[in-house]
Every structure is written in C-alpha cells, then in structure tokens.
Protein backbone atom coordinates (compact mmCIF):
# COMPACT_ATOMS: atom_id res chain seq x y z
CA UNK A 1 13.75 -1.78 -51.45
CA UNK A 2 12.10 -1.77 -48.06
CA UNK A 3 8.59 -2.39 -47.94
CA UNK A 4 6.30 0.45 -46.93
CA UNK A 5 5.43 -1.30 -43.52
CA UNK A 6 9.38 -1.93 -42.63
CA UNK A 7 9.04 1.88 -42.42
CA UNK A 8 6.40 1.73 -39.84
CA UNK A 9 9.59 1.37 -37.15
CA UNK A 10 9.79 5.54 -37.31
CA UNK A 11 6.24 5.86 -36.27
CA UNK A 12 7.12 3.73 -32.95
CA UNK A 13 9.69 5.96 -31.45
CA UNK A 14 10.11 9.98 -30.77
CA UNK A 15 13.56 9.11 -32.01
CA UNK A 16 14.93 7.50 -34.54
CA UNK A 17 14.80 3.39 -35.05
CA UNK A 18 17.67 1.61 -33.70
CA UNK A 19 20.35 1.10 -36.24
CA UNK A 20 20.48 -2.88 -36.01
CA UNK A 21 16.56 -3.06 -36.69
CA UNK A 22 17.18 -0.90 -39.88
CA UNK A 23 20.07 -3.17 -41.02
CA UNK A 24 18.16 -6.15 -40.47
CA UNK A 25 15.24 -4.79 -42.65
CA UNK A 26 17.77 -4.13 -45.60
CA UNK A 27 18.91 -7.43 -46.35
CA UNK A 28 22.13 -7.55 -48.39
CA UNK A 29 22.56 -4.00 -48.19
CA UNK A 30 25.23 -2.13 -45.92
CA UNK A 31 23.37 0.61 -44.31
CA UNK A 32 25.01 4.21 -44.12
CA UNK A 33 24.37 6.06 -40.70
CA UNK A 34 24.19 9.97 -41.14
CA UNK A 35 21.97 10.11 -38.34
CA UNK A 36 24.30 9.22 -35.13
CA UNK A 37 26.47 12.12 -34.10
CA UNK A 38 28.93 9.80 -33.23
CA UNK A 39 32.79 10.61 -33.28
CA UNK A 40 34.14 7.78 -36.02
CA UNK A 41 38.08 8.39 -35.25
CA UNK A 42 37.78 7.29 -31.66
CA UNK A 43 38.10 5.04 -29.99
CA UNK A 44 41.53 4.03 -32.06
CA UNK A 45 42.36 0.92 -33.48
CA UNK A 46 44.68 0.24 -30.93
CA UNK A 47 42.27 0.85 -27.97
CA UNK A 48 39.83 -1.57 -29.73
CA UNK A 49 42.14 -4.21 -29.48
CA UNK A 50 42.59 -3.73 -25.75
CA UNK A 51 38.79 -4.24 -25.33
CA UNK A 52 38.88 -7.28 -27.53
CA UNK A 53 41.62 -8.65 -25.43
CA UNK A 54 40.01 -8.02 -22.28
CA UNK A 55 36.36 -8.80 -23.17
CA UNK A 56 36.13 -11.99 -21.40
CA UNK A 57 37.48 -10.12 -18.14
CA UNK A 58 35.19 -7.28 -18.67
CA UNK A 59 31.90 -9.78 -18.89
CA UNK A 60 32.75 -11.98 -16.55
CA UNK A 61 33.08 -9.73 -13.57
CA UNK A 62 31.47 -7.22 -11.75
CA UNK A 63 32.65 -3.50 -12.67
CA UNK A 64 33.44 -1.10 -9.74
CA UNK A 65 31.08 1.05 -8.33
CA UNK A 66 29.59 4.39 -9.41
CA UNK A 67 31.77 6.26 -7.02
CA UNK A 68 35.20 4.61 -7.98
CA UNK A 69 34.76 4.79 -11.72
CA UNK A 70 33.47 8.18 -11.26
CA UNK A 71 36.40 9.13 -9.07
CA UNK A 72 38.64 7.63 -11.92
CA UNK A 73 37.06 9.65 -14.70
CA UNK A 74 37.27 12.88 -12.31
CA UNK A 75 41.03 12.32 -11.83
CA UNK A 76 41.54 12.24 -15.70
CA UNK A 77 39.60 15.36 -16.48
CA UNK A 78 41.16 17.18 -13.48
CA UNK A 79 38.06 17.80 -11.69
CA UNK A 80 37.18 16.91 -7.83
CA UNK A 81 35.61 13.75 -7.39
CA UNK A 82 33.09 14.97 -5.18
CA UNK A 83 31.39 17.13 -7.92
CA UNK A 84 31.34 14.18 -10.46
CA UNK A 85 28.68 11.75 -11.05
CA UNK A 86 29.06 9.12 -13.38
CA UNK A 87 25.60 7.15 -15.29
CA UNK A 88 24.55 4.75 -17.67
CA UNK A 89 24.46 7.64 -19.95
CA UNK A 90 23.48 11.32 -19.95
CA UNK A 91 20.03 10.02 -20.26
CA UNK A 92 19.84 8.43 -16.88
CA UNK A 93 20.95 11.77 -15.35
CA UNK A 94 18.71 13.82 -17.14
CA UNK A 95 15.53 11.42 -16.03
CA UNK A 96 16.86 11.69 -12.10
CA UNK A 97 17.27 15.28 -12.72
CA UNK A 98 13.68 15.51 -13.74
CA UNK A 99 12.15 12.96 -11.36
CA UNK A 100 14.46 15.04 -8.19
CA UNK A 101 14.76 18.33 -9.12
CA UNK A 102 12.28 19.43 -11.48
CA UNK A 103 8.98 21.38 -9.61
CA UNK A 104 6.69 21.60 -10.88
CA UNK A 105 7.78 22.53 -14.53
CA UNK A 106 10.69 23.17 -16.79
CA UNK A 107 11.42 25.62 -19.49
CA UNK A 108 13.76 25.09 -22.16
CA UNK A 109 14.37 26.65 -25.85
CA UNK A 110 12.80 24.52 -28.90
CA UNK A 111 13.71 22.83 -31.08
CA UNK A 112 15.95 20.50 -28.65
CA UNK A 113 16.87 17.06 -27.65
CA UNK A 114 13.87 15.32 -27.00
CA UNK A 115 14.00 14.01 -23.70
CA UNK A 116 14.05 17.34 -22.34
CA UNK A 117 10.71 18.34 -23.90
CA UNK A 118 8.98 14.49 -23.53
CA UNK A 119 10.47 13.24 -20.13
CA UNK A 120 8.93 16.03 -17.82
CA UNK A 121 5.47 15.42 -19.78
CA UNK A 122 5.73 12.27 -19.09
CA UNK A 123 6.14 12.49 -15.35
CA UNK A 124 3.34 14.84 -15.48
CA UNK A 125 4.98 18.01 -15.22
CA UNK A 126 4.37 21.25 -17.12
CA UNK A 127 6.60 22.21 -19.71
CA UNK A 128 7.36 25.90 -21.27
CA UNK A 129 8.69 25.84 -24.35
CA UNK A 130 10.59 28.84 -25.40
CA UNK A 131 10.59 28.87 -29.43
CA UNK A 132 13.76 29.77 -31.11
CA UNK A 133 13.85 31.54 -34.81
CA UNK A 134 15.65 30.45 -37.86
CA UNK A 135 16.01 34.15 -39.03
CA UNK A 136 18.52 34.19 -35.84
CA UNK A 137 19.65 30.78 -36.84
CA UNK A 138 18.28 29.36 -33.82
CA UNK A 139 20.55 31.12 -31.27
CA UNK A 140 19.48 31.70 -27.92
CA UNK A 141 18.36 35.67 -27.09
CA UNK A 142 19.34 34.73 -23.26
CA UNK A 143 18.14 38.06 -22.08
CA UNK A 144 14.68 37.39 -23.45
CA UNK A 145 14.51 33.85 -21.98
CA UNK A 146 15.22 34.67 -18.59
CA UNK A 147 11.99 37.18 -19.11
CA UNK A 148 10.25 34.20 -20.41
CA UNK A 149 11.03 31.99 -17.14
CA UNK A 150 10.22 34.67 -14.80
CA UNK A 151 6.87 35.33 -16.57
CA UNK A 152 5.99 32.01 -16.25
CA UNK A 153 7.68 31.51 -12.89
CA UNK A 154 9.56 28.51 -13.85
CA UNK A 155 11.60 26.77 -10.77
CA UNK A 156 13.90 24.83 -13.57
CA UNK A 157 15.45 25.09 -17.00
CA UNK A 158 17.45 23.15 -19.49
CA UNK A 159 19.61 24.11 -21.93
CA UNK A 160 21.56 22.31 -24.88
CA UNK A 161 24.85 23.97 -25.78
CA UNK A 162 25.67 23.44 -28.52
CA UNK A 163 22.20 22.77 -28.99
CA UNK A 164 20.62 19.51 -30.68
CA UNK A 165 19.69 19.47 -33.20
CA UNK A 166 20.32 23.14 -34.57
CA UNK A 167 24.02 22.91 -33.79
CA UNK A 168 23.62 26.80 -32.37
CA UNK A 169 26.49 27.56 -29.87
CA UNK A 170 25.70 29.90 -26.80
CA UNK A 171 29.04 31.96 -25.82
CA UNK A 172 30.64 31.22 -22.26
CA UNK A 173 29.71 34.86 -21.47
CA UNK A 174 25.86 34.08 -22.28
CA UNK A 175 25.91 31.12 -20.36
CA UNK A 176 27.43 32.51 -17.42
CA UNK A 177 24.89 35.43 -17.81
CA UNK A 178 22.22 32.64 -17.47
CA UNK A 179 24.01 31.47 -14.06
CA UNK A 180 23.61 34.71 -12.40
CA UNK A 181 20.10 35.70 -13.86
CA UNK A 182 18.81 32.55 -12.46
CA UNK A 183 20.70 31.74 -9.42
CA UNK A 184 17.86 31.39 -7.42
CA UNK A 185 15.96 28.61 -9.37
CA UNK A 186 15.81 24.92 -7.91
CA UNK A 187 18.19 23.95 -10.60
CA UNK A 188 19.79 25.01 -14.12
CA UNK A 189 21.10 22.29 -16.47
CA UNK A 190 23.57 22.78 -18.97
CA UNK A 191 23.92 19.96 -21.38
CA UNK A 192 27.01 20.04 -22.96
CA UNK A 193 27.13 16.65 -24.83
CA UNK A 194 28.30 18.21 -28.15
CA UNK A 195 30.80 21.14 -27.01
CA UNK A 196 33.61 19.18 -27.57
CA UNK A 197 33.06 19.58 -31.02
CA UNK A 198 32.22 23.23 -30.91
CA UNK A 199 35.63 24.43 -31.42
CA UNK A 200 39.21 23.37 -32.77
CA UNK A 201 41.02 25.33 -30.36
CA UNK A 202 39.82 23.90 -26.89
CA UNK A 203 36.64 23.35 -25.18
CA UNK A 204 34.86 26.56 -23.20
CA UNK A 205 33.21 24.29 -20.81
CA UNK A 206 31.40 25.64 -17.64
CA UNK A 207 31.76 22.84 -15.76
CA UNK A 208 34.42 24.29 -13.20
CA UNK A 209 31.62 27.37 -12.65
CA UNK A 210 29.10 24.80 -12.10
CA UNK A 211 30.88 22.90 -9.66
CA UNK A 212 30.60 26.45 -7.64
CA UNK A 213 27.09 27.43 -8.07
CA UNK A 214 24.23 26.22 -5.73
CA UNK A 215 21.81 25.07 -8.47
CA UNK A 216 23.64 24.40 -11.69
CA UNK A 217 24.37 21.10 -13.38
CA UNK A 218 26.21 20.36 -16.52
CA UNK A 219 25.83 17.19 -18.28
CA UNK A 220 28.52 15.45 -20.48
CA UNK A 221 28.06 12.38 -22.64
CA UNK A 222 30.87 10.30 -23.06
CA UNK A 223 29.33 7.76 -25.88
CA UNK A 224 29.01 11.06 -28.17
CA UNK A 225 32.74 12.29 -27.60
CA UNK A 226 34.42 8.92 -27.54
CA UNK A 227 32.50 7.28 -30.37
CA UNK A 228 30.89 4.46 -28.53
CA UNK A 229 27.10 5.26 -27.88
CA UNK A 230 26.45 1.53 -27.32
CA UNK A 231 28.56 1.76 -23.99
CA UNK A 232 26.33 3.86 -22.45
CA UNK A 233 28.47 6.54 -20.33
CA UNK A 234 27.72 10.01 -19.16
CA UNK A 235 28.44 12.41 -16.34
CA UNK A 236 27.16 15.19 -14.53
CA UNK A 237 29.35 17.86 -12.72
CA UNK A 238 27.79 19.89 -10.08
CA UNK A 239 28.72 21.13 -6.69
CA UNK A 240 28.96 18.60 -4.09
CA UNK A 241 25.45 18.53 -2.15
CA UNK A 242 23.77 18.39 -5.61
CA UNK A 243 26.14 15.69 -6.89
CA UNK A 244 25.64 13.66 -3.95
CA UNK A 245 21.90 13.82 -4.47
CA UNK A 246 22.09 12.42 -7.67
CA UNK A 247 24.82 10.19 -7.04
CA UNK A 248 22.10 8.64 -3.99
CA UNK A 249 19.67 7.96 -6.67
CA UNK A 250 21.78 6.16 -8.82
CA UNK A 251 22.10 2.06 -8.54
CA UNK A 252 25.65 1.12 -7.10
CA UNK A 253 26.74 -0.69 -10.30
CA UNK A 254 25.06 1.59 -12.97
CA UNK A 255 28.23 1.85 -15.51
CA UNK A 256 29.19 -1.59 -17.21
CA UNK A 257 32.64 -3.16 -17.61
CA UNK A 258 33.15 -1.88 -20.89
CA UNK A 259 32.50 1.68 -19.62
CA UNK A 260 34.89 1.25 -16.85
CA UNK A 261 37.71 -0.20 -19.18
CA UNK A 262 36.91 2.85 -21.26
CA UNK A 263 37.19 5.49 -18.73
CA UNK A 264 40.58 3.70 -17.17
CA UNK A 265 41.80 3.70 -20.63
CA UNK A 266 41.08 7.20 -21.75
CA UNK A 267 43.98 9.16 -19.79
CA UNK A 268 46.43 7.18 -21.79
CA UNK A 269 44.90 8.50 -25.28
CA UNK A 270 44.18 12.36 -24.48
CA UNK A 271 46.53 12.97 -27.56
CA UNK A 272 44.40 10.55 -29.92
CA UNK A 273 41.29 11.77 -28.41
CA UNK A 274 42.45 15.43 -29.51
CA UNK A 275 43.37 14.68 -33.03
CA UNK A 276 40.09 13.36 -33.49
CA UNK A 277 37.93 16.08 -32.00
CA UNK A 278 39.74 17.96 -34.40
CA UNK A 279 38.91 15.94 -37.49
CA UNK A 280 35.36 15.42 -36.46
CA UNK A 281 35.03 19.45 -36.62
CA UNK A 282 36.63 19.45 -39.86
CA UNK A 283 33.97 17.09 -41.29
CA UNK A 284 31.12 19.15 -39.97
CA UNK A 285 32.59 22.37 -41.31
CA UNK A 286 32.81 20.19 -44.90
CA UNK A 287 29.70 18.76 -44.60
CA UNK A 288 28.09 22.73 -44.15
CA UNK A 289 29.56 23.46 -47.12
CA UNK A 290 28.58 20.61 -49.35
CA UNK A 291 25.17 20.62 -48.21
CA UNK A 292 24.61 24.58 -48.76
CA UNK A 293 25.82 23.46 -52.61
CA UNK A 294 22.66 21.46 -52.58
CA UNK A 295 19.97 23.85 -54.45
CA UNK A 296 16.67 24.20 -52.52
CA UNK A 297 18.57 23.38 -48.97
CA UNK A 298 18.42 26.11 -46.05
CA UNK A 299 21.74 25.44 -43.94
CA UNK A 300 21.73 26.88 -40.72
CA UNK A 301 25.57 27.59 -38.89
CA UNK A 302 26.28 24.71 -36.45
CA UNK A 303 29.06 24.53 -33.71
CA UNK A 304 28.26 20.25 -33.13
CA UNK A 305 29.30 17.50 -34.82
CA UNK A 306 26.07 17.40 -37.17
CA UNK A 307 24.30 19.94 -39.47
CA UNK A 308 20.54 21.38 -39.11
CA UNK A 309 18.87 22.38 -42.40
CA UNK A 310 15.20 22.62 -43.88
CA UNK A 311 14.16 21.18 -47.44
CA UNK A 312 11.74 23.60 -49.69
CA UNK A 313 8.05 23.40 -48.31
CA UNK A 314 6.88 21.73 -51.41
CA UNK A 315 9.01 18.77 -50.64
CA UNK A 316 7.83 16.15 -48.03
CA UNK A 317 10.62 15.44 -45.63
CA UNK A 318 9.24 12.21 -44.77
CA UNK A 319 9.68 10.98 -48.28
CA UNK A 320 12.66 12.52 -48.70
CA UNK A 321 13.87 10.47 -45.77
CA UNK A 322 12.41 7.33 -46.79
CA UNK A 323 14.01 7.78 -50.39
CA UNK A 324 17.34 8.15 -49.07
CA UNK A 325 16.91 5.14 -47.06
CA UNK A 326 15.49 2.83 -49.56
CA UNK A 327 17.46 3.85 -52.83
CA UNK A 328 20.50 4.55 -51.47
CA UNK A 329 20.82 2.86 -47.83
CA UNK A 330 21.38 6.22 -46.15
CA UNK A 331 19.99 7.10 -42.68
CA UNK A 332 19.39 10.85 -41.84
CA UNK A 333 17.35 12.30 -38.89
CA UNK A 334 14.08 13.95 -39.82
CA UNK A 335 12.76 15.99 -37.27
CA UNK A 336 9.19 16.04 -37.82
CA UNK A 337 8.72 14.54 -34.20
CA UNK A 338 10.92 17.26 -32.43
CA UNK A 339 8.99 20.29 -30.55
CA UNK A 340 9.43 23.18 -32.45
CA UNK A 341 10.34 21.61 -35.57
CA UNK A 342 8.66 19.93 -38.50
CA UNK A 343 9.14 17.34 -41.21
CA UNK A 344 10.52 19.94 -43.57
CA UNK A 345 13.83 19.97 -41.07
CA UNK A 346 16.77 17.48 -41.12
CA UNK A 347 19.71 16.85 -38.78
CA UNK A 348 23.06 15.24 -40.68
CA UNK A 349 25.59 13.98 -38.81
CA UNK A 350 29.17 14.72 -39.49
CA UNK A 351 30.91 11.82 -41.38
CA UNK A 352 34.44 11.65 -43.48
CA UNK A 353 34.87 13.58 -46.86
CA UNK A 354 34.31 10.35 -48.93
CA UNK A 355 30.96 9.68 -46.96
CA UNK A 356 29.86 13.14 -47.25
CA UNK A 357 30.27 13.18 -50.83
CA UNK A 358 28.02 10.14 -51.49
CA UNK A 359 25.33 11.38 -49.32
CA UNK A 360 25.48 14.81 -51.36
CA UNK A 361 25.09 13.05 -54.77
CA UNK A 362 22.19 10.93 -53.17
CA UNK A 363 20.44 13.94 -51.91
CA UNK A 364 20.86 15.61 -55.09
CA UNK A 365 19.12 12.49 -57.07
CA UNK A 366 16.38 12.05 -54.41
CA UNK A 367 15.27 15.69 -54.72
CA UNK A 368 15.28 15.84 -58.57
CA UNK A 369 12.37 17.11 -59.91
CA UNK A 370 9.46 14.80 -60.00
CA UNK A 371 10.94 12.09 -57.66
CA UNK A 372 9.04 12.77 -54.43
CA UNK A 373 5.79 13.62 -53.77
CA UNK A 374 4.66 16.99 -52.79
CA UNK A 375 4.32 17.91 -49.32
CA UNK A 376 0.54 19.26 -50.08
C-alpha cells in the first residue's frame, strides 16, 4: 500500500506524476499504466534490437542537425522538407508557437491538452476557453466556435483533433471550414497528436492543406504514435515561411540521437507500424465496450487511443484513482486539474485486451458500494 504522503506527488503537477517516480513508491509491485496514451505494439522487438546494438554509437556522438533529421522525416512521410519542423516533442513546438505567434490571447475548446490552457497564462497572455458540452459528446460546433472567436477578437486558436482528453473527432470538412473562416488570424493550430488512432481505414490529416495556408500549423507527435514518449520527438507542418520562423527559434541540435535513429529506421517499418496502429484502434473499441459494462460509468465516444468517462456524482474521483493505484497497482488519469473538467472525469488509455479485463475487474471492485468515501 502507498502511504498517504506518497500520493502528494499528484498535487505537484498539472499532469500526472512520472511513471518511474510512482513505481519507486510501490516497492515490490509492478505498476501497470493506463494513463499514458502510448502505442504498445511499436517499435517492434526487431527494432528494439537495432536500438540496443547501436546504443553506444548513438550516445557517444552528436546527432545530425534539426534540419537534416527533419529532411529525413519529411522524405519518409512524403512531405516537402521546407514545410516540416522537427522538435524535442510536440510540446517544444507548442511552447514556441505561444512565444512567437500568440499575441495577445488564444482561444481553445476545453477540456483539452493542459499545455494549451496553462502555457499561455504562464506567459501572461489571455486564455479564452470555449466550453464543450457533455450532452454533445464534447464534439465542437465549429460555426459557434468561430462566432466565439470573433466576439472576443482573438487572433490565435488551437484545436486538438482528436481532442485530449475527450477523444472527440472533428471531420476533415469541419477543420477545413475553420481554416477558411479564420484565414485572417495570426495562427490556427491543429494538434493531430492522436489522429493516427482515429480510423483503421487511414489517417485523414490536414497537413498538406496546412502547408498551403498562410496561418496554419499542424502538430504531430512521434512519441505517441511510435510508442516512445521518452524519446521526445514531434514535428510541425506549415508553409515554408511559418516553418522557417519556428525552425530558427529551435536549437541546432534539439533532437537527440535515439530520436534520429528512430526516424531513420521508420521508413523501413511502415508495414509493421500500420499493423500496430490498427491494433491500438481495436483495443480502444474493446476498452470502450468494457467500460460501458461497468455500472454507473458514463462513457463518451472516442476516436483516439484512450477513452473519456465520468463516474457517478457521489463518487470522489480522487479516491477512485488512489484506490486503483494502492490496491491494484493501476494508474489512471483523473482529470480534475484540467480546465473544463473535474474530479469525476477520467481518461483511460487503450491497452491489450487482457490488461483491459484486469482494469475492469479492479474498477468494479473499487466502485463496489461502501468502498469509497462519498464526494460530498
């Protein structure tokens, strides 16, 4: 069991505590993570053997420059290298977008990824939060959002698609409507970090359209797609002028050697990646169905590699999170520290079916009558 003071780690971050820190707080128990939305099937075992064999070389020598590794990535993705900016995680790009292009405020639907709500405020800029509605399954009414932006005279917007943590997906036509309706803004950012997990039939990215627009940036996360959050790799796609503005702000060697090796290896493993991508989608569908079988949970439709849900009003979400962690060694994301969310909402990451079944058994046990203190 975790001692109560060990749980203070949750109060020291706007996100979740690092997995390794929580693992150290549970000596003798293997912690199982249902918090981080990661692809568990990629890289393949063969790719990891390549990484191990070349680890000494990767660690001893400088990686190639940002521009060179970005060129390799762009060619592997079939994009113009002048439109691609590689970064130490998509959050590095988010930071520079806020610093360089957001003046003086930003509008975003909420709940959403915490850095889109927190970072502008940290920089002294104004946040205009557009509240998504649970009775619409958190789907954004794009026409109403445009009216919201115009009424507040905002010059920058950010939209996660699919949204994090809700998993709601805007159609390609809806995103293009935003591009046209807000073509005069300073910047329109579409964060597609989870888009690869939206549809088994293909990835409906708007990257190509972004490269033709004056004010649009599409963000992508390699860590989430490739199952390697610790590598810290992401990229942006924008027209060459906007891309150059971001690229010049970044350090010359902002991408580490392991990320470079991953990017150079990836084009040889497109087929394996496609298999992994589809498996994650199938896992999410299974997770959504199993969560829907738990009495009292409200489960919202998701098109990402996670599911957003609400527990009954009388349940204290923090108690549920702590119970799963201390009694079962299972970490889930309680969303009470997200703008537009509260402690009754959770984001649960998709995992292989046997792990989902174990989580459902644990949740059913912890949610049984009398196990948790009431929320009021």
